[in-house]
Amino acid sequence: MSTIRLVSATFGDRIPGRELADPDCPQFPGLLNRPDVKAWLNKIGYGPDNEDELVYLVTADDPGVLPPGFEYITVEI
């Protein structure tokens, strides 16, 4: 089992990990279809109609520390 975080950010924010649209972002099949993740993505306004909202996937392997003040969800995969 792995623990990941999805972090809400905007362009220019410095967040460890990879943005979901990045081709090098790790893939976790079914992650975006989980009810808890879908509800969180809707809450923060992530989607094709909001280009300013980015979501970063942060794993235990990503270097760096999540800066304070960013909204995120922790998910066990």
N, C-alpha and C. Protein backbone atom coordinates (compact mmCIF):
# COMPACT_ATOMS: atom_id res chain seq x y z
N MET A 1 0.85 -1.18 0.00
CA MET A 1 0.00 0.00 0.00
C MET A 1 0.90 1.24 0.00
N SER A 2 0.50 2.24 -0.77
CA SER A 2 1.24 3.49 -0.87
C SER A 2 0.36 4.65 -0.41
N THR A 3 1.00 5.64 0.16
CA THR A 3 0.30 6.87 0.54
C THR A 3 0.74 7.96 -0.43
N ILE A 4 -0.24 8.62 -1.02
CA ILE A 4 0.04 9.75 -1.91
C ILE A 4 -0.77 10.94 -1.44
N ARG A 5 -0.38 12.10 -1.92
CA ARG A 5 -1.16 13.32 -1.68
C ARG A 5 -1.45 13.96 -3.02
N LEU A 6 -2.63 14.49 -3.13
CA LEU A 6 -3.01 15.34 -4.25
C LEU A 6 -3.08 16.75 -3.68
N VAL A 7 -2.36 17.66 -4.31
CA VAL A 7 -2.21 19.01 -3.78
C VAL A 7 -2.77 20.03 -4.75
N SER A 8 -3.64 20.90 -4.28
CA SER A 8 -4.21 21.97 -5.07
C SER A 8 -3.21 23.12 -5.16
N ALA A 9 -2.95 23.60 -6.38
CA ALA A 9 -1.99 24.69 -6.58
C ALA A 9 -2.40 25.51 -7.79
N THR A 10 -1.68 26.58 -8.03
CA THR A 10 -1.88 27.38 -9.22
C THR A 10 -0.54 27.54 -9.92
N PHE A 11 -0.57 28.05 -11.14
CA PHE A 11 0.64 28.23 -11.93
C PHE A 11 1.67 29.04 -11.15
N GLY A 12 2.91 28.57 -11.13
CA GLY A 12 3.98 29.27 -10.44
C GLY A 12 4.25 28.78 -9.03
N ASP A 13 3.30 28.03 -8.43
CA ASP A 13 3.54 27.47 -7.10
C ASP A 13 4.62 26.41 -7.17
N ARG A 14 5.41 26.32 -6.13
CA ARG A 14 6.48 25.30 -6.07
C ARG A 14 6.03 24.17 -5.14
N ILE A 15 5.63 23.07 -5.78
CA ILE A 15 5.12 21.92 -5.06
C ILE A 15 5.98 20.72 -5.46
N PRO A 16 6.39 19.86 -4.51
CA PRO A 16 7.08 18.64 -4.92
C PRO A 16 6.11 17.73 -5.67
N GLY A 17 6.63 16.85 -6.48
CA GLY A 17 5.77 15.93 -7.21
C GLY A 17 5.57 16.37 -8.65
N ARG A 18 4.53 15.83 -9.26
CA ARG A 18 4.22 16.11 -10.67
C ARG A 18 2.78 16.54 -10.82
N GLU A 19 2.55 17.48 -11.72
CA GLU A 19 1.19 17.90 -12.04
C GLU A 19 0.50 16.75 -12.76
N LEU A 20 -0.78 16.55 -12.50
CA LEU A 20 -1.50 15.40 -13.07
C LEU A 20 -1.43 15.35 -14.60
N ALA A 21 -1.38 16.50 -15.26
CA ALA A 21 -1.34 16.51 -16.73
C ALA A 21 0.07 16.26 -17.28
N ASP A 22 1.08 16.22 -16.42
CA ASP A 22 2.46 15.97 -16.84
C ASP A 22 2.57 14.52 -17.32
N PRO A 23 3.10 14.30 -18.53
CA PRO A 23 3.24 12.92 -19.03
C PRO A 23 4.11 12.04 -18.13
N ASP A 24 4.99 12.64 -17.34
CA ASP A 24 5.85 11.87 -16.45
C ASP A 24 5.23 11.63 -15.06
N CYS A 25 4.00 12.08 -14.87
CA CYS A 25 3.33 11.88 -13.59
C CYS A 25 3.06 10.39 -13.41
N PRO A 26 3.38 9.84 -12.22
CA PRO A 26 3.09 8.43 -11.97
C PRO A 26 1.60 8.14 -12.17
N GLN A 27 1.31 6.96 -12.66
CA GLN A 27 -0.07 6.56 -12.92
C GLN A 27 -0.57 5.63 -11.82
N PHE A 28 -1.74 5.92 -11.32
CA PHE A 28 -2.42 5.07 -10.36
C PHE A 28 -3.82 4.82 -10.92
N PRO A 29 -3.99 3.72 -11.66
CA PRO A 29 -5.28 3.45 -12.31
C PRO A 29 -6.45 3.52 -11.32
N GLY A 30 -7.48 4.23 -11.74
CA GLY A 30 -8.69 4.37 -10.94
C GLY A 30 -8.65 5.48 -9.91
N LEU A 31 -7.49 6.12 -9.72
CA LEU A 31 -7.36 7.15 -8.69
C LEU A 31 -8.38 8.27 -8.86
N LEU A 32 -8.50 8.79 -10.06
CA LEU A 32 -9.39 9.94 -10.28
C LEU A 32 -10.86 9.56 -10.30
N ASN A 33 -11.15 8.25 -10.27
CA ASN A 33 -12.54 7.79 -10.24
C ASN A 33 -13.02 7.44 -8.84
N ARG A 34 -12.13 7.50 -7.85
CA ARG A 34 -12.53 7.22 -6.48
C ARG A 34 -13.49 8.31 -6.01
N PRO A 35 -14.57 7.94 -5.32
CA PRO A 35 -15.55 8.94 -4.87
C PRO A 35 -14.93 10.04 -4.00
N ASP A 36 -14.01 9.69 -3.10
CA ASP A 36 -13.41 10.71 -2.24
C ASP A 36 -12.55 11.68 -3.05
N VAL A 37 -11.82 11.17 -4.03
CA VAL A 37 -10.98 12.02 -4.87
C VAL A 37 -11.84 12.88 -5.78
N LYS A 38 -12.87 12.29 -6.38
CA LYS A 38 -13.77 13.07 -7.26
C LYS A 38 -14.43 14.21 -6.49
N ALA A 39 -14.88 13.92 -5.26
CA ALA A 39 -15.53 14.97 -4.45
C ALA A 39 -14.54 16.09 -4.14
N TRP A 40 -13.29 15.73 -3.81
CA TRP A 40 -12.28 16.75 -3.51
C TRP A 40 -11.95 17.58 -4.75
N LEU A 41 -11.78 16.93 -5.90
CA LEU A 41 -11.50 17.66 -7.13
C LEU A 41 -12.63 18.63 -7.48
N ASN A 42 -13.87 18.21 -7.27
CA ASN A 42 -15.01 19.10 -7.51
C ASN A 42 -14.99 20.28 -6.53
N LYS A 43 -14.65 20.00 -5.29
CA LYS A 43 -14.63 21.04 -4.25
C LYS A 43 -13.62 22.14 -4.58
N ILE A 44 -12.44 21.76 -5.10
CA ILE A 44 -11.42 22.75 -5.41
C ILE A 44 -11.57 23.36 -6.80
N GLY A 45 -12.50 22.82 -7.59
CA GLY A 45 -12.75 23.38 -8.92
C GLY A 45 -11.80 22.91 -10.00
N TYR A 46 -11.20 21.73 -9.81
CA TYR A 46 -10.28 21.20 -10.81
C TYR A 46 -11.06 20.64 -11.99
N GLY A 47 -10.67 21.02 -13.20
CA GLY A 47 -11.32 20.49 -14.39
C GLY A 47 -10.95 21.31 -15.61
N PRO A 48 -11.43 20.88 -16.76
CA PRO A 48 -11.06 21.55 -18.01
C PRO A 48 -11.55 22.99 -18.12
N ASP A 49 -12.54 23.36 -17.34
CA ASP A 49 -13.06 24.73 -17.38
C ASP A 49 -12.27 25.70 -16.50
N ASN A 50 -11.32 25.18 -15.73
CA ASN A 50 -10.55 26.02 -14.82
C ASN A 50 -9.06 25.76 -15.04
N GLU A 51 -8.48 26.45 -16.00
CA GLU A 51 -7.08 26.23 -16.35
C GLU A 51 -6.12 26.71 -15.27
N ASP A 52 -6.57 27.57 -14.36
CA ASP A 52 -5.70 28.09 -13.31
C ASP A 52 -5.50 27.10 -12.16
N GLU A 53 -6.38 26.13 -12.04
CA GLU A 53 -6.30 25.16 -10.94
C GLU A 53 -5.46 23.96 -11.39
N LEU A 54 -4.37 23.72 -10.68
CA LEU A 54 -3.50 22.57 -10.95
C LEU A 54 -3.57 21.63 -9.75
N VAL A 55 -3.35 20.34 -10.03
CA VAL A 55 -3.27 19.36 -8.96
C VAL A 55 -1.98 18.58 -9.14
N TYR A 56 -1.19 18.55 -8.08
CA TYR A 56 0.08 17.82 -8.07
C TYR A 56 -0.10 16.52 -7.31
N LEU A 57 0.50 15.46 -7.86
CA LEU A 57 0.54 14.17 -7.20
C LEU A 57 1.90 14.05 -6.52
N VAL A 58 1.88 13.87 -5.21
CA VAL A 58 3.10 13.80 -4.41
C VAL A 58 3.17 12.42 -3.78
N THR A 59 4.28 11.71 -4.04
CA THR A 59 4.49 10.39 -3.44
C THR A 59 5.60 10.49 -2.40
N ALA A 60 5.81 9.40 -1.68
CA ALA A 60 6.88 9.36 -0.67
C ALA A 60 8.25 9.49 -1.32
N ASP A 61 8.36 9.19 -2.61
CA ASP A 61 9.64 9.27 -3.32
C ASP A 61 9.99 10.68 -3.77
N ASP A 62 9.04 11.61 -3.73
CA ASP A 62 9.30 12.97 -4.20
C ASP A 62 10.10 13.75 -3.16
N PRO A 63 11.19 14.37 -3.63
CA PRO A 63 12.00 15.17 -2.69
C PRO A 63 11.29 16.47 -2.35
N GLY A 64 11.61 17.00 -1.22
CA GLY A 64 11.03 18.29 -0.83
C GLY A 64 9.91 18.12 0.18
N VAL A 65 9.50 19.24 0.70
CA VAL A 65 8.46 19.28 1.73
C VAL A 65 7.29 20.08 1.18
N LEU A 66 6.10 19.61 1.46
CA LEU A 66 4.90 20.34 1.05
C LEU A 66 4.83 21.64 1.83
N PRO A 67 4.83 22.78 1.12
CA PRO A 67 4.76 24.06 1.83
C PRO A 67 3.43 24.20 2.57
N PRO A 68 3.42 24.92 3.68
CA PRO A 68 2.16 25.11 4.41
C PRO A 68 1.18 25.95 3.61
N GLY A 69 -0.10 25.75 3.89
CA GLY A 69 -1.13 26.59 3.30
C GLY A 69 -1.77 26.04 2.04
N PHE A 70 -1.32 24.89 1.56
CA PHE A 70 -1.91 24.32 0.35
C PHE A 70 -2.94 23.26 0.75
N GLU A 71 -4.08 23.30 0.07
CA GLU A 71 -5.11 22.30 0.32
C GLU A 71 -4.69 20.99 -0.34
N TYR A 72 -4.91 19.88 0.35
CA TYR A 72 -4.54 18.59 -0.20
C TYR A 72 -5.44 17.49 0.37
N ILE A 73 -5.38 16.34 -0.30
CA ILE A 73 -6.06 15.14 0.16
C ILE A 73 -5.01 14.03 0.20
N THR A 74 -5.04 13.23 1.24
CA THR A 74 -4.15 12.08 1.38
C THR A 74 -4.95 10.83 1.01
N VAL A 75 -4.35 10.00 0.17
CA VAL A 75 -5.03 8.81 -0.35
C VAL A 75 -4.13 7.59 -0.17
N GLU A 76 -4.71 6.51 0.30
CA GLU A 76 -4.01 5.23 0.40
C GLU A 76 -4.34 4.42 -0.85
N ILE A 77 -3.30 3.99 -1.54
CA ILE A 77 -3.47 3.22 -2.78
C ILE A 77 -2.96 1.80 -2.53
